[in-house]
């Protein structure tokens, strides 16, 4: 019997937040619920593309 997976809910991820400025490398936080879930929060590295909006200059 393997019932460990059922102890935890699905990960819910926040939006990616850049470390500096509006784009580039950043982090996002994930949370999940579960009565016997050992890990309910974690941080993941992410990247925001710098060409997602036009540069005016």
Foldseek 3Di string as FASTA:
>chain_A
DDDLVVQKDDWDKDDFDDPDDDWFKGKIKIAIDGDPDPDGIDIDIDTGDPVPDDDDD
